[in-house]
Amino acid sequence: MEHDHDVHSEPISTVRCRELLGPEADGLSDVEVDQIRRHADAMAHVVVEIFLQQRSRE
């Protein structure tokens, strides 16, 4: 489904992801933080898509 919304923003950096995770990132490697960042980005896209689909049905 195509939307007029820009959902192709730049992903956050690994450094910013580590900041957002806070103490939860302690002891995680950059690779692990990057995996979390990529998974969070994918989930955000899914949530936005679901929201837009539900809104278009109203």
N, C-alpha and C. Protein backbone atom coordinates (compact mmCIF):
# COMPACT_ATOMS: atom_id res chain seq x y z
N MET A 1 0.84 -1.17 0.00
CA MET A 1 0.00 0.00 0.00
C MET A 1 0.88 1.24 0.00
N GLU A 2 0.64 2.13 -0.93
CA GLU A 2 1.43 3.36 -1.03
C GLU A 2 0.80 4.48 -0.22
N HIS A 3 1.65 5.27 0.41
CA HIS A 3 1.19 6.41 1.21
C HIS A 3 2.01 7.63 0.83
N ASP A 4 1.45 8.78 1.13
CA ASP A 4 2.13 10.05 0.84
C ASP A 4 3.12 10.41 1.94
N HIS A 5 3.26 9.58 2.94
CA HIS A 5 4.12 9.89 4.08
C HIS A 5 5.55 9.44 3.82
N ASP A 6 6.50 10.24 4.29
CA ASP A 6 7.91 9.88 4.14
C ASP A 6 8.30 8.92 5.25
N VAL A 7 8.41 7.64 4.92
CA VAL A 7 8.81 6.63 5.90
C VAL A 7 10.23 6.16 5.62
N HIS A 8 10.95 6.89 4.80
CA HIS A 8 12.31 6.50 4.42
C HIS A 8 13.33 7.46 5.00
N SER A 9 13.25 7.68 6.30
CA SER A 9 14.20 8.57 6.94
C SER A 9 15.51 7.82 7.21
N GLU A 10 16.53 8.56 7.53
CA GLU A 10 17.83 7.97 7.83
C GLU A 10 17.75 7.20 9.16
N PRO A 11 18.31 6.01 9.21
CA PRO A 11 18.30 5.28 10.49
C PRO A 11 19.19 5.98 11.51
N ILE A 12 18.89 5.77 12.78
CA ILE A 12 19.73 6.36 13.81
C ILE A 12 21.08 5.65 13.81
N SER A 13 22.06 6.32 14.32
CA SER A 13 23.40 5.73 14.36
C SER A 13 23.48 4.73 15.51
N THR A 14 24.49 3.89 15.44
CA THR A 14 24.73 2.94 16.52
C THR A 14 25.04 3.68 17.82
N VAL A 15 25.76 4.78 17.70
CA VAL A 15 26.09 5.59 18.89
C VAL A 15 24.81 6.12 19.52
N ARG A 16 23.89 6.64 18.70
CA ARG A 16 22.63 7.18 19.22
C ARG A 16 21.78 6.05 19.81
N CYS A 17 21.78 4.90 19.18
CA CYS A 17 21.04 3.76 19.70
C CYS A 17 21.57 3.37 21.07
N ARG A 18 22.88 3.38 21.21
CA ARG A 18 23.50 3.05 22.50
C ARG A 18 23.06 4.07 23.56
N GLU A 19 22.99 5.35 23.18
CA GLU A 19 22.53 6.39 24.10
C GLU A 19 21.09 6.13 24.52
N LEU A 20 20.24 5.78 23.55
CA LEU A 20 18.82 5.54 23.85
C LEU A 20 18.64 4.30 24.72
N LEU A 21 19.47 3.30 24.53
CA LEU A 21 19.38 2.09 25.34
C LEU A 21 19.85 2.33 26.77
N GLY A 22 20.72 3.33 26.94
CA GLY A 22 21.21 3.66 28.27
C GLY A 22 21.96 2.50 28.90
N PRO A 23 21.72 2.27 30.18
CA PRO A 23 22.44 1.20 30.88
C PRO A 23 22.21 -0.18 30.29
N GLU A 24 21.11 -0.36 29.56
CA GLU A 24 20.83 -1.65 28.94
C GLU A 24 21.90 -2.00 27.90
N ALA A 25 22.60 -0.98 27.38
CA ALA A 25 23.62 -1.22 26.36
C ALA A 25 24.98 -1.57 26.96
N ASP A 26 25.11 -1.39 28.27
CA ASP A 26 26.38 -1.71 28.91
C ASP A 26 26.71 -3.19 28.67
N GLY A 27 27.91 -3.43 28.21
CA GLY A 27 28.34 -4.80 27.97
C GLY A 27 27.98 -5.34 26.59
N LEU A 28 27.21 -4.58 25.81
CA LEU A 28 26.87 -5.02 24.46
C LEU A 28 27.94 -4.54 23.48
N SER A 29 28.25 -5.37 22.52
CA SER A 29 29.20 -4.97 21.48
C SER A 29 28.49 -4.04 20.49
N ASP A 30 29.26 -3.36 19.67
CA ASP A 30 28.67 -2.51 18.63
C ASP A 30 27.82 -3.34 17.67
N VAL A 31 28.24 -4.57 17.41
CA VAL A 31 27.47 -5.44 16.52
C VAL A 31 26.11 -5.75 17.15
N GLU A 32 26.09 -6.03 18.43
CA GLU A 32 24.83 -6.31 19.12
C GLU A 32 23.92 -5.09 19.15
N VAL A 33 24.48 -3.93 19.41
CA VAL A 33 23.69 -2.69 19.41
C VAL A 33 23.17 -2.43 18.00
N ASP A 34 23.99 -2.68 16.99
CA ASP A 34 23.53 -2.49 15.61
C ASP A 34 22.39 -3.44 15.27
N GLN A 35 22.44 -4.66 15.76
CA GLN A 35 21.35 -5.61 15.53
C GLN A 35 20.06 -5.11 16.18
N ILE A 36 20.16 -4.60 17.38
CA ILE A 36 18.99 -4.04 18.06
C ILE A 36 18.46 -2.85 17.27
N ARG A 37 19.37 -1.99 16.79
CA ARG A 37 18.97 -0.82 16.02
C ARG A 37 18.21 -1.23 14.77
N ARG A 38 18.71 -2.24 14.06
CA ARG A 38 18.05 -2.69 12.83
C ARG A 38 16.69 -3.31 13.11
N HIS A 39 16.60 -4.08 14.18
CA HIS A 39 15.32 -4.69 14.56
C HIS A 39 14.32 -3.61 14.97
N ALA A 40 14.76 -2.63 15.73
CA ALA A 40 13.87 -1.55 16.16
C ALA A 40 13.39 -0.75 14.95
N ASP A 41 14.27 -0.53 13.98
CA ASP A 41 13.88 0.20 12.77
C ASP A 41 12.82 -0.59 11.99
N ALA A 42 13.01 -1.89 11.87
CA ALA A 42 12.04 -2.73 11.17
C ALA A 42 10.70 -2.71 11.89
N MET A 43 10.72 -2.82 13.22
CA MET A 43 9.48 -2.78 13.98
C MET A 43 8.78 -1.44 13.85
N ALA A 44 9.54 -0.37 13.84
CA ALA A 44 8.94 0.96 13.69
C ALA A 44 8.22 1.07 12.35
N HIS A 45 8.82 0.54 11.29
CA HIS A 45 8.18 0.58 9.97
C HIS A 45 6.88 -0.22 9.96
N VAL A 46 6.89 -1.37 10.64
CA VAL A 46 5.69 -2.20 10.72
C VAL A 46 4.58 -1.45 11.48
N VAL A 47 4.93 -0.86 12.60
CA VAL A 47 3.95 -0.14 13.41
C VAL A 47 3.36 1.03 12.63
N VAL A 48 4.20 1.78 11.94
CA VAL A 48 3.70 2.91 11.15
C VAL A 48 2.79 2.41 10.03
N GLU A 49 3.16 1.34 9.37
CA GLU A 49 2.34 0.80 8.29
C GLU A 49 0.97 0.35 8.82
N ILE A 50 0.95 -0.32 9.96
CA ILE A 50 -0.32 -0.74 10.56
C ILE A 50 -1.16 0.48 10.91
N PHE A 51 -0.55 1.48 11.50
CA PHE A 51 -1.26 2.72 11.84
C PHE A 51 -1.88 3.35 10.60
N LEU A 52 -1.10 3.46 9.54
CA LEU A 52 -1.59 4.10 8.32
C LEU A 52 -2.72 3.28 7.69
N GLN A 53 -2.62 1.97 7.74
CA GLN A 53 -3.68 1.13 7.20
C GLN A 53 -4.97 1.30 7.99
N GLN A 54 -4.86 1.32 9.30
CA GLN A 54 -6.05 1.48 10.14
C GLN A 54 -6.67 2.86 9.94
N ARG A 55 -5.84 3.87 9.83
CA ARG A 55 -6.33 5.23 9.64
C ARG A 55 -7.04 5.38 8.30
N SER A 56 -6.54 4.70 7.26
CA SER A 56 -7.15 4.81 5.94
C SER A 56 -8.52 4.12 5.88
N ARG A 57 -8.79 3.21 6.82
CA ARG A 57 -10.07 2.52 6.87
C ARG A 57 -11.15 3.34 7.55
N GLU A 58 -10.76 4.38 8.27
CA GLU A 58 -11.73 5.20 9.02
C GLU A 58 -12.50 6.10 8.11
